[in-house]
Amino acid sequence: MSAISSLTHAISLDPYSGEQIGAYPFDTDAALEAALQRAKVGYRQWRQVSLGQRSEYLLALASTLETKAEAFAQMISREIGKPVVQARGEVSKCVGLCRWYAEHGPAMLAAEPTQVEKARIEYRPLGPILAVMPWNFPVWQVLRGAVPAILAGNTYVLKHAPNVMGSAYLLGELFKDAGLPEGVFEVLNVTPDGVTRAINDPRIAAVTLTGSVRAGMAIGAQAGAALKKCVLELGGSDPFIVLADADLDAAVKAAVIGRYQNTGQVCAAAKRLIVEESIVDEFTRKFVEATRELKVGNPLEEGTYIGPMARYDLRDELDGQVQATIAEGATLLLGGHKVDGVANFYAPTVFANVTPQMTAFKQELFGPVAAIISARDAEHAVELANDSEFGLASTIYTADYALAERMTAALDTGGVFINGYCASDPRVAFGGVKKSGFGRELSHFGVREFTNAQTVWLDRN
């Protein structure tokens, strides 16, 4: 039941019932060739479409997605076990993304003046973009990259995770139903060999991947060998710092959301809760109480907050990390085990007294497991936060904003959230440093990421 593909098909399993949702045949060589050719031909035509017209297409995409919102939410919940309320939120966020870029994107792509009177910078598209996407936000992760890239005049070739091919094909239908021209958005269902072929194909201009560090290293190496632009959004072990002067109840509430949303399967989740030692006991007590109150159950029921994990192999991997952390001496306060039955549940788990030598500190735990770490003071909290190979996002809870700003300057992460948990938003850039990847999505950074910043200089003698 852990399989996500066979020799011939990508398999989608319902992690709550264990039933097969779909078996999607891998593309033939001819189908891959046809998709790449459509993307290339589509690009030649799409880049000629005015920015204003492209914006109108994005508005049509938003309206069409609104009419299909429940179908998307149900598919997301069935394919990965995401609670349906959260799945609806994901789809709604995508609608807002399309409308925001339709309104604000053209200005971000307008010609930019320079200090040279007769020189300017034009943001030109690159061509077909290959996107290798993950399963945990099967619609948002795709559209937050596709929408700005397409607005910039590129075409988009999606290679989605095998266990969410139902969502992938719904996305393909969405673009068609919204009236976008053929080739602007293509869906591949290929093996890793097919991905390699696509990266090396001269029709693909650039590559983007959201996924694990291992996947990022593989795709990044292939893109580098082919001398193609690459954006990587990889894992995270985000620090969530709570200082002694913080609003403790607000911090606990945010930590619970930040750690357990999407059953903890979020790259930018609050995975390491670093709490000043004078309040760590009280924070821990409140956090455990709040965790106990979360409803674990059928993801299609409205009141469920934690659903089953998306795949059986991922639950096994998480349990191995949990058992290692127990053996290393952390204090297990809650959970720490798989839940018996067909559904792929992992008991919400809380560790206290976690130290930098332990697995729960060093590795990314992609599931409903929280690690509480004690810090002597703010300086020590930053030291602990930076003691990681990852650098995606971080959070600080404190009443001292001047101190928070100083800490922000010292944190080695792509984003810092003060008195609020991490969340991606089209208005601000998203991405990381270190082994969390490179490049940025969203905001003006995202819309320009896959463009050629072309210098145009008139009458230079």
Protein backbone atom coordinates (compact mmCIF):
# COMPACT_ATOMS: atom_id res chain seq x y z
CA MET A 1 0.00 0.00 0.00
CA SER A 2 3.02 2.28 0.13
CA ALA A 3 3.51 2.19 -3.63
CA ILE A 4 2.97 5.44 -5.51
CA SER A 5 3.80 3.98 -8.88
CA SER A 6 4.03 0.68 -10.69
CA LEU A 7 6.16 -0.08 -13.71
CA THR A 8 3.48 1.37 -15.97
CA HIS A 9 1.22 3.63 -13.89
CA ALA A 10 1.25 6.36 -11.26
CA ILE A 11 -0.97 5.16 -8.42
CA SER A 12 -3.12 7.40 -6.25
CA LEU A 13 -4.27 5.90 -2.93
CA ASP A 14 -6.72 7.35 -0.43
CA PRO A 15 -4.65 7.39 2.80
CA TYR A 16 -7.80 7.29 4.93
CA SER A 17 -9.53 4.29 3.36
CA GLY A 18 -6.54 2.68 1.70
CA GLU A 19 -8.53 2.42 -1.52
CA GLN A 20 -7.09 3.16 -4.93
CA ILE A 21 -8.36 6.43 -6.38
CA GLY A 22 -6.71 6.14 -9.75
CA ALA A 23 -4.04 4.41 -11.81
CA TYR A 24 -2.64 6.78 -14.42
CA PRO A 25 -0.56 5.31 -17.26
CA PHE A 26 2.83 6.89 -17.74
CA ASP A 27 3.27 8.93 -20.89
CA THR A 28 4.75 7.19 -23.88
CA ASP A 29 7.81 8.68 -25.57
CA ALA A 30 5.49 9.99 -28.25
CA ALA A 31 3.22 11.65 -25.67
CA LEU A 32 6.20 13.34 -23.98
CA GLU A 33 7.46 14.55 -27.34
CA ALA A 34 4.02 15.92 -28.24
CA ALA A 35 3.66 17.77 -24.92
CA LEU A 36 7.08 19.42 -25.24
CA GLN A 37 6.31 20.44 -28.81
CA ARG A 38 2.95 21.92 -27.81
CA ALA A 39 4.69 23.90 -25.06
CA LYS A 40 7.28 25.22 -27.51
CA VAL A 41 4.78 26.15 -30.22
CA GLY A 42 2.46 27.58 -27.59
CA TYR A 43 5.30 29.71 -26.24
CA ARG A 44 5.99 31.28 -29.62
CA GLN A 45 2.37 32.40 -29.77
CA TRP A 46 1.82 33.19 -26.08
CA ARG A 47 4.78 35.55 -25.79
CA GLN A 48 3.13 37.72 -28.46
CA VAL A 49 -0.03 38.11 -26.38
CA SER A 50 -0.12 41.46 -24.60
CA LEU A 51 0.27 41.67 -20.84
CA GLY A 52 -3.22 43.07 -20.60
CA GLN A 53 -4.65 40.08 -22.42
CA ARG A 54 -2.62 37.66 -20.32
CA SER A 55 -4.08 39.30 -17.22
CA GLU A 56 -7.58 38.75 -18.58
CA TYR A 57 -6.78 35.07 -18.99
CA LEU A 58 -5.70 34.94 -15.33
CA LEU A 59 -9.01 36.46 -14.29
CA ALA A 60 -10.80 33.80 -16.32
CA LEU A 61 -8.64 31.17 -14.63
CA ALA A 62 -9.67 32.51 -11.21
CA SER A 63 -13.37 32.50 -12.06
CA THR A 64 -13.20 29.00 -13.52
CA LEU A 65 -11.37 27.72 -10.46
CA GLU A 66 -14.06 29.21 -8.22
CA THR A 67 -16.72 27.18 -10.02
CA LYS A 68 -14.63 24.02 -9.61
CA ALA A 69 -13.46 24.74 -6.05
CA GLU A 70 -15.30 21.90 -4.32
CA ALA A 71 -14.18 19.32 -6.88
CA PHE A 72 -10.58 20.37 -6.33
CA ALA A 73 -10.96 20.34 -2.53
CA GLN A 74 -12.49 16.87 -2.55
CA MET A 75 -9.71 15.54 -4.78
CA ILE A 76 -7.02 17.06 -2.56
CA SER A 77 -8.58 15.54 0.56
CA ARG A 78 -8.94 12.12 -1.01
CA GLU A 79 -5.46 12.01 -2.54
CA ILE A 80 -3.39 13.21 0.42
CA GLY A 81 -5.73 13.12 3.43
CA LYS A 82 -5.75 16.90 3.89
CA PRO A 83 -8.73 18.00 6.01
CA VAL A 84 -11.30 19.29 3.56
CA VAL A 85 -11.65 22.67 5.27
CA GLN A 86 -7.92 23.23 4.74
CA ALA A 87 -8.20 21.94 1.17
CA ARG A 88 -10.91 24.51 0.46
CA GLY A 89 -8.63 27.16 1.92
CA GLU A 90 -5.86 26.07 -0.44
CA VAL A 91 -8.13 26.44 -3.46
CA SER A 92 -9.46 29.80 -2.31
CA LYS A 93 -5.91 31.04 -1.87
CA CYS A 94 -5.19 30.06 -5.47
CA VAL A 95 -8.16 32.08 -6.70
CA GLY A 96 -6.77 35.10 -4.88
CA LEU A 97 -3.32 34.46 -6.33
CA CYS A 98 -4.64 34.59 -9.89
CA ARG A 99 -6.54 37.81 -9.28
CA TRP A 100 -3.64 39.48 -7.47
CA TYR A 101 -1.21 38.79 -10.30
CA ALA A 102 -3.79 39.83 -12.88
CA GLU A 103 -4.08 43.20 -11.15
CA HIS A 104 -0.50 43.85 -10.06
CA GLY A 105 1.69 41.66 -12.26
CA PRO A 106 1.78 43.81 -15.40
CA ALA A 107 3.36 46.71 -13.51
CA MET A 108 6.07 44.37 -12.23
CA LEU A 109 6.90 43.37 -15.80
CA ALA A 110 6.86 46.88 -17.24
CA ALA A 111 10.03 48.34 -18.73
CA GLU A 112 12.33 49.60 -15.98
CA PRO A 113 14.24 52.86 -16.42
CA THR A 114 17.94 53.08 -15.57
CA GLN A 115 20.37 55.85 -14.67
CA VAL A 116 21.23 55.98 -18.37
CA GLU A 117 18.65 58.22 -20.03
CA LYS A 118 18.29 56.14 -23.17
CA ALA A 119 18.64 52.70 -21.59
CA ARG A 120 15.97 50.54 -20.02
CA ILE A 121 15.45 46.99 -18.78
CA GLU A 122 12.78 44.85 -20.44
CA TYR A 123 11.57 41.65 -18.79
CA ARG A 124 11.28 39.08 -21.57
CA PRO A 125 10.07 35.48 -21.16
CA LEU A 126 12.49 32.55 -21.34
CA GLY A 127 10.35 29.80 -22.87
CA PRO A 128 8.78 26.57 -21.63
CA ILE A 129 9.40 25.99 -17.91
CA LEU A 130 9.55 22.45 -16.52
CA ALA A 131 8.00 22.31 -13.03
CA VAL A 132 8.58 19.25 -10.85
CA MET A 133 6.05 19.63 -8.05
CA PRO A 134 5.28 17.92 -4.71
CA TRP A 135 2.11 16.43 -3.31
CA ASN A 136 1.56 18.37 -0.06
CA PHE A 137 -0.14 21.42 -1.63
CA PRO A 138 -1.08 19.87 -4.97
CA VAL A 139 -2.83 22.96 -6.34
CA TRP A 140 -1.18 25.90 -4.55
CA GLN A 141 2.40 24.74 -5.14
CA VAL A 142 1.70 24.45 -8.86
CA LEU A 143 -0.20 27.68 -9.38
CA ARG A 144 2.05 29.88 -7.27
CA GLY A 145 4.81 29.07 -9.76
CA ALA A 146 2.74 28.72 -12.91
CA VAL A 147 0.65 31.89 -12.68
CA PRO A 148 3.52 34.42 -12.55
CA ALA A 149 5.59 32.46 -15.07
CA ILE A 150 2.70 32.34 -17.52
CA LEU A 151 1.89 36.01 -16.99
CA ALA A 152 5.51 36.78 -17.90
CA GLY A 153 4.97 35.06 -21.26
CA ASN A 154 6.39 31.62 -20.55
CA THR A 155 4.60 28.30 -20.94
CA TYR A 156 4.50 25.75 -18.13
CA VAL A 157 5.10 22.01 -18.23
CA LEU A 158 3.97 20.30 -15.01
CA LYS A 159 5.44 17.04 -13.77
CA HIS A 160 3.46 16.38 -10.59
CA ALA A 161 4.04 13.86 -7.80
CA PRO A 162 2.74 10.38 -8.73
CA ASN A 163 0.25 10.20 -5.85
CA VAL A 164 -1.58 13.39 -6.89
CA MET A 165 -2.04 12.86 -10.60
CA GLY A 166 -5.79 13.27 -10.13
CA SER A 167 -5.13 16.85 -9.02
CA ALA A 168 -2.64 17.31 -11.86
CA TYR A 169 -5.17 16.37 -14.52
CA LEU A 170 -7.81 18.59 -12.90
CA LEU A 171 -5.34 21.46 -13.27
CA GLY A 172 -4.86 20.62 -16.93
CA GLU A 173 -8.62 20.71 -17.46
CA LEU A 174 -8.83 23.99 -15.54
CA PHE A 175 -6.54 25.81 -17.96
CA LYS A 176 -8.44 24.46 -20.95
CA ASP A 177 -11.83 25.35 -19.49
CA ALA A 178 -10.60 28.86 -18.69
CA GLY A 179 -9.80 29.29 -22.38
CA LEU A 180 -6.02 29.52 -22.26
CA PRO A 181 -4.40 28.58 -25.58
CA GLU A 182 -3.03 25.12 -26.21
CA GLY A 183 0.51 24.60 -24.97
CA VAL A 184 0.42 27.27 -22.26
CA PHE A 185 -0.02 24.61 -19.55
CA GLU A 186 0.94 21.00 -20.18
CA VAL A 187 0.77 18.02 -17.80
CA LEU A 188 3.33 15.23 -17.92
CA ASN A 189 3.06 11.85 -16.22
CA VAL A 190 6.57 10.49 -16.55
CA THR A 191 9.14 8.44 -14.66
CA PRO A 192 12.43 9.97 -13.44
CA ASP A 193 13.94 9.05 -16.80
CA GLY A 194 11.25 11.13 -18.46
CA VAL A 195 12.12 14.08 -16.23
CA THR A 196 15.77 13.78 -17.24
CA ARG A 197 14.80 13.70 -20.90
CA ALA A 198 12.67 16.81 -20.47
CA ILE A 199 15.44 18.72 -18.67
CA ASN A 200 17.90 17.88 -21.43
CA ASP A 201 15.46 18.71 -24.21
CA PRO A 202 16.39 22.02 -25.89
CA ARG A 203 12.74 23.10 -25.89
CA ILE A 204 12.77 23.39 -22.09
CA ALA A 205 14.27 26.74 -21.11
CA ALA A 206 14.38 26.44 -17.32
CA VAL A 207 13.46 24.17 -14.43
CA THR A 208 11.79 24.64 -11.07
CA LEU A 209 11.36 22.08 -8.31
CA THR A 210 9.65 22.03 -4.95
CA GLY A 211 10.55 18.94 -2.98
CA SER A 212 13.13 17.20 -0.83
CA VAL A 213 16.81 18.07 -0.57
CA ARG A 214 17.67 14.82 -2.32
CA ALA A 215 15.34 15.61 -5.21
CA GLY A 216 16.67 19.15 -5.38
CA MET A 217 20.26 17.97 -5.61
CA ALA A 218 19.37 15.57 -8.42
CA ILE A 219 17.30 18.03 -10.44
CA GLY A 220 19.70 20.90 -9.76
CA ALA A 221 22.64 18.82 -10.99
CA GLN A 222 20.82 17.90 -14.18
CA ALA A 223 19.73 21.48 -14.83
CA GLY A 224 23.26 22.69 -14.17
CA ALA A 225 24.73 20.16 -16.57
CA ALA A 226 22.30 21.42 -19.21
CA LEU A 227 23.10 25.06 -18.32
CA LYS A 228 19.49 25.88 -17.56
CA LYS A 229 18.13 28.31 -15.01
CA CYS A 230 16.85 26.47 -11.93
CA VAL A 231 14.77 27.46 -8.90
CA LEU A 232 14.66 25.08 -5.92
CA GLU A 233 12.28 25.29 -2.96
CA LEU A 234 13.33 22.45 -0.69
CA GLY A 235 12.91 21.31 2.89
CA GLY A 236 12.91 23.18 6.14
CA SER A 237 13.26 22.69 9.87
CA ASP A 238 11.89 26.06 10.79
CA PRO A 239 12.60 27.57 14.21
CA PHE A 240 9.68 29.07 16.13
CA ILE A 241 11.20 31.26 18.85
CA VAL A 242 9.19 32.27 21.92
CA LEU A 243 10.78 34.74 24.33
CA ALA A 244 9.80 35.33 27.94
CA ASP A 245 7.93 38.59 27.26
CA ALA A 246 5.75 37.10 24.51
CA ASP A 247 1.97 36.81 24.63
CA LEU A 248 2.12 33.15 25.58
CA ASP A 249 -1.42 32.19 24.60
CA ALA A 250 -1.02 33.80 21.19
CA ALA A 251 2.33 32.07 20.72
CA VAL A 252 0.89 28.67 21.63
CA LYS A 253 -2.05 29.14 19.27
CA ALA A 254 0.25 30.11 16.41
CA ALA A 255 2.66 27.26 17.17
CA VAL A 256 -0.16 24.71 17.03
CA ILE A 257 -1.32 26.02 13.65
CA GLY A 258 2.23 26.37 12.38
CA ARG A 259 3.17 22.84 13.37
CA TYR A 260 0.02 20.80 12.67
CA GLN A 261 -1.57 22.42 9.62
CA ASN A 262 -1.78 19.89 6.77
CA THR A 263 -0.96 17.20 9.36
CA GLY A 264 2.48 18.75 9.78
CA GLN A 265 3.41 18.07 6.16
CA VAL A 266 4.55 21.58 5.31
CA CYS A 267 8.07 22.60 4.31
CA ALA A 268 7.80 25.91 6.18
CA ALA A 269 6.15 24.48 9.30
CA ALA A 270 7.16 25.39 12.87
CA LYS A 271 9.19 22.25 13.45
CA ARG A 272 11.60 23.39 16.18
CA LEU A 273 9.89 25.28 19.01
CA ILE A 274 12.70 27.20 20.71
CA VAL A 275 11.42 28.65 23.99
CA GLU A 276 13.18 30.82 26.56
CA GLU A 277 13.89 28.66 29.59
CA SER A 278 11.99 30.80 32.11
CA ILE A 279 8.69 30.04 30.34
CA VAL A 280 9.44 26.72 28.66
CA ASP A 281 7.50 24.65 31.22
CA GLU A 282 4.37 26.80 30.95
CA PHE A 283 4.60 26.92 27.16
CA THR A 284 5.02 23.15 27.02
CA ARG A 285 2.00 22.53 29.24
CA LYS A 286 -0.22 24.82 27.17
CA PHE A 287 1.06 23.42 23.89
CA VAL A 288 0.42 19.81 24.91
CA GLU A 289 -3.09 20.73 26.09
CA ALA A 290 -3.84 22.46 22.79
CA THR A 291 -2.48 19.51 20.82
CA ARG A 292 -4.72 17.09 22.73
CA GLU A 293 -7.76 19.14 21.68
CA LEU A 294 -7.11 18.76 17.95
CA LYS A 295 -9.53 16.42 16.23
CA VAL A 296 -7.83 13.57 14.39
CA GLY A 297 -10.10 11.80 11.93
CA ASN A 298 -11.74 11.51 8.54
CA PRO A 299 -10.40 14.35 6.39
CA LEU A 300 -13.77 14.76 4.69
CA GLU A 301 -15.46 15.65 7.99
CA GLU A 302 -15.68 19.36 8.69
CA GLY A 303 -14.30 19.27 12.24
CA THR A 304 -11.13 17.33 11.47
CA TYR A 305 -7.87 19.22 11.92
CA ILE A 306 -5.36 16.38 11.56
CA GLY A 307 -5.92 13.79 8.85
CA PRO A 308 -3.92 10.75 7.83
CA MET A 309 -0.43 11.23 6.46
CA ALA A 310 -0.29 11.27 2.68
CA ARG A 311 1.73 8.11 2.11
CA TYR A 312 2.50 4.96 4.07
CA ASP A 313 6.23 5.08 3.36
CA LEU A 314 6.42 8.63 4.70
CA ARG A 315 4.73 7.55 7.94
CA ASP A 316 7.30 4.77 8.31
CA GLU A 317 10.12 7.26 7.78
CA LEU A 318 8.66 9.66 10.35
CA ASP A 319 8.22 6.89 12.90
CA GLY A 320 11.87 5.94 12.46
CA GLN A 321 12.89 9.52 13.26
CA VAL A 322 10.59 9.59 16.29
CA GLN A 323 11.94 6.33 17.68
CA ALA A 324 15.50 7.56 17.15
CA THR A 325 14.70 10.75 19.07
CA ILE A 326 13.25 8.72 21.95
CA ALA A 327 16.38 6.56 22.04
CA GLU A 328 18.53 9.70 22.09
CA GLY A 329 16.92 10.83 25.34
CA ALA A 330 14.21 13.35 24.46
CA THR A 331 11.17 13.46 26.75
CA LEU A 332 8.10 12.09 24.97
CA LEU A 333 5.03 13.95 26.25
CA LEU A 334 2.42 12.86 23.74
CA GLY A 335 2.01 10.37 20.90
CA GLY A 336 5.13 8.82 19.46
CA HIS A 337 3.53 6.01 17.48
CA LYS A 338 1.54 4.97 14.44
CA VAL A 339 -2.20 4.58 14.92
CA ASP A 340 -3.51 1.07 14.27
CA GLY A 341 -5.94 0.55 11.40
CA VAL A 342 -6.14 1.03 7.66
CA ALA A 343 -6.03 4.82 7.83
CA ASN A 344 -2.50 6.21 7.68
CA PHE A 345 -2.63 8.18 10.95
CA TYR A 346 0.35 9.14 13.05
CA ALA A 347 -0.46 10.19 16.60
CA PRO A 348 0.20 13.90 17.21
CA THR A 349 3.53 13.87 19.00
CA VAL A 350 5.27 16.33 21.32
CA PHE A 351 8.87 16.09 22.51
CA ALA A 352 10.44 18.17 25.27
CA ASN A 353 14.10 18.53 26.23
CA VAL A 354 15.26 18.19 22.64
CA THR A 355 18.93 19.07 22.09
CA PRO A 356 20.95 19.84 18.94
CA GLN A 357 22.42 16.33 18.84
CA MET A 358 19.02 14.67 18.45
CA THR A 359 17.28 13.55 15.27
CA ALA A 360 14.24 15.78 15.87
CA PHE A 361 16.57 18.79 15.92
CA LYS A 362 18.91 17.88 13.07
CA GLN A 363 16.48 16.43 10.53
CA GLU A 364 13.25 17.63 8.96
CA LEU A 365 10.30 15.80 10.51
CA PHE A 366 7.54 15.91 7.91
CA GLY A 367 4.48 15.06 9.96
CA PRO A 368 2.60 15.89 13.18
CA VAL A 369 5.64 15.94 15.49
CA ALA A 370 6.73 18.96 17.55
CA ALA A 371 10.15 19.35 19.18
CA ILE A 372 10.42 21.78 22.11
CA ILE A 373 13.91 23.15 22.80
CA SER A 374 14.95 25.33 25.74
CA ALA A 375 17.03 28.48 25.13
CA ARG A 376 18.83 30.55 27.77
CA ASP A 377 17.98 33.88 26.14
CA ALA A 378 17.38 35.57 22.80
CA GLU A 379 20.99 35.27 21.69
CA HIS A 380 21.02 31.55 22.46
CA ALA A 381 17.68 31.15 20.66
CA VAL A 382 19.16 32.62 17.47
CA GLU A 383 22.21 30.38 17.83
CA LEU A 384 19.96 27.33 18.08
CA ALA A 385 17.79 28.51 15.21
CA ASN A 386 20.79 28.89 12.90
CA ASP A 387 22.24 25.52 13.93
CA SER A 388 20.60 23.79 10.97
CA GLU A 389 21.40 22.86 7.40
CA PHE A 390 18.07 24.43 6.45
CA GLY A 391 17.11 28.07 6.14
CA LEU A 392 13.55 28.42 4.89
CA ALA A 393 11.60 30.52 7.41
CA SER A 394 11.58 31.44 11.09
CA THR A 395 9.22 32.96 13.64
CA ILE A 396 9.84 35.19 16.66
CA TYR A 397 7.30 35.85 19.42
CA THR A 398 8.24 38.77 21.66
CA ALA A 399 6.88 42.09 22.90
CA ASP A 400 10.24 43.77 22.21
CA TYR A 401 10.13 44.78 18.55
CA ALA A 402 13.57 46.37 18.62
CA LEU A 403 15.00 43.08 19.86
CA ALA A 404 13.02 41.20 17.22
CA GLU A 405 14.52 43.37 14.48
CA ARG A 406 18.04 42.68 15.75
CA MET A 407 17.29 38.96 15.82
CA THR A 408 15.88 39.15 12.30
CA ALA A 409 19.20 40.47 11.01
CA ALA A 410 20.99 37.51 12.60
CA LEU A 411 18.67 34.72 11.41
CA ASP A 412 19.82 32.74 8.37
CA THR A 413 16.41 32.13 6.83
CA GLY A 414 14.56 33.25 3.72
CA GLY A 415 11.72 34.70 5.79
CA VAL A 416 11.18 35.91 9.35
CA PHE A 417 7.71 36.28 10.85
CA ILE A 418 7.37 38.38 13.99
CA ASN A 419 4.41 37.54 16.22
CA GLY A 420 2.81 35.39 13.54
CA TYR A 421 3.35 31.98 12.00
CA CYS A 422 4.87 31.53 8.56
CA ALA A 423 2.52 31.67 5.59
CA SER A 424 3.18 32.21 1.89
CA ASP A 425 1.42 35.18 0.34
CA PRO A 426 1.53 36.41 -3.26
CA ARG A 427 2.48 39.90 -2.06
CA VAL A 428 5.82 38.81 -0.55
CA ALA A 429 8.71 36.66 -1.75
CA PHE A 430 9.00 33.04 -0.63
CA GLY A 431 12.14 30.90 -0.64
CA GLY A 432 15.11 29.83 1.41
CA VAL A 433 18.86 29.66 1.85
CA LYS A 434 21.31 26.88 2.64
CA LYS A 435 19.79 23.46 1.89
CA SER A 436 16.31 24.98 1.68
CA GLY A 437 17.14 25.97 -1.87
CA PHE A 438 17.60 29.09 -3.96
CA GLY A 439 15.54 31.45 -6.05
CA ARG A 440 12.25 33.02 -5.07
CA GLU A 441 8.57 32.52 -5.77
CA LEU A 442 5.72 35.04 -5.48
CA SER A 443 5.74 38.87 -5.43
CA HIS A 444 7.73 40.73 -8.08
CA PHE A 445 10.66 38.39 -7.43
CA GLY A 446 8.59 35.41 -8.52
CA VAL A 447 7.17 37.01 -11.65
CA ARG A 448 10.67 38.05 -12.78
CA GLU A 449 12.40 34.79 -11.79
CA PHE A 450 11.88 33.21 -15.20
CA THR A 451 12.53 36.26 -17.34
CA ASN A 452 15.42 37.63 -19.34
CA ALA A 453 16.29 41.04 -17.91
CA GLN A 454 17.15 42.50 -21.30
CA THR A 455 19.09 45.76 -21.52
CA VAL A 456 17.89 48.02 -24.33
CA TRP A 457 20.16 51.01 -25.01
CA LEU A 458 19.27 53.51 -27.74
CA ASP A 459 21.81 55.55 -29.72
CA ARG A 460 24.89 54.51 -27.79
CA ASN A 461 27.87 55.97 -29.65
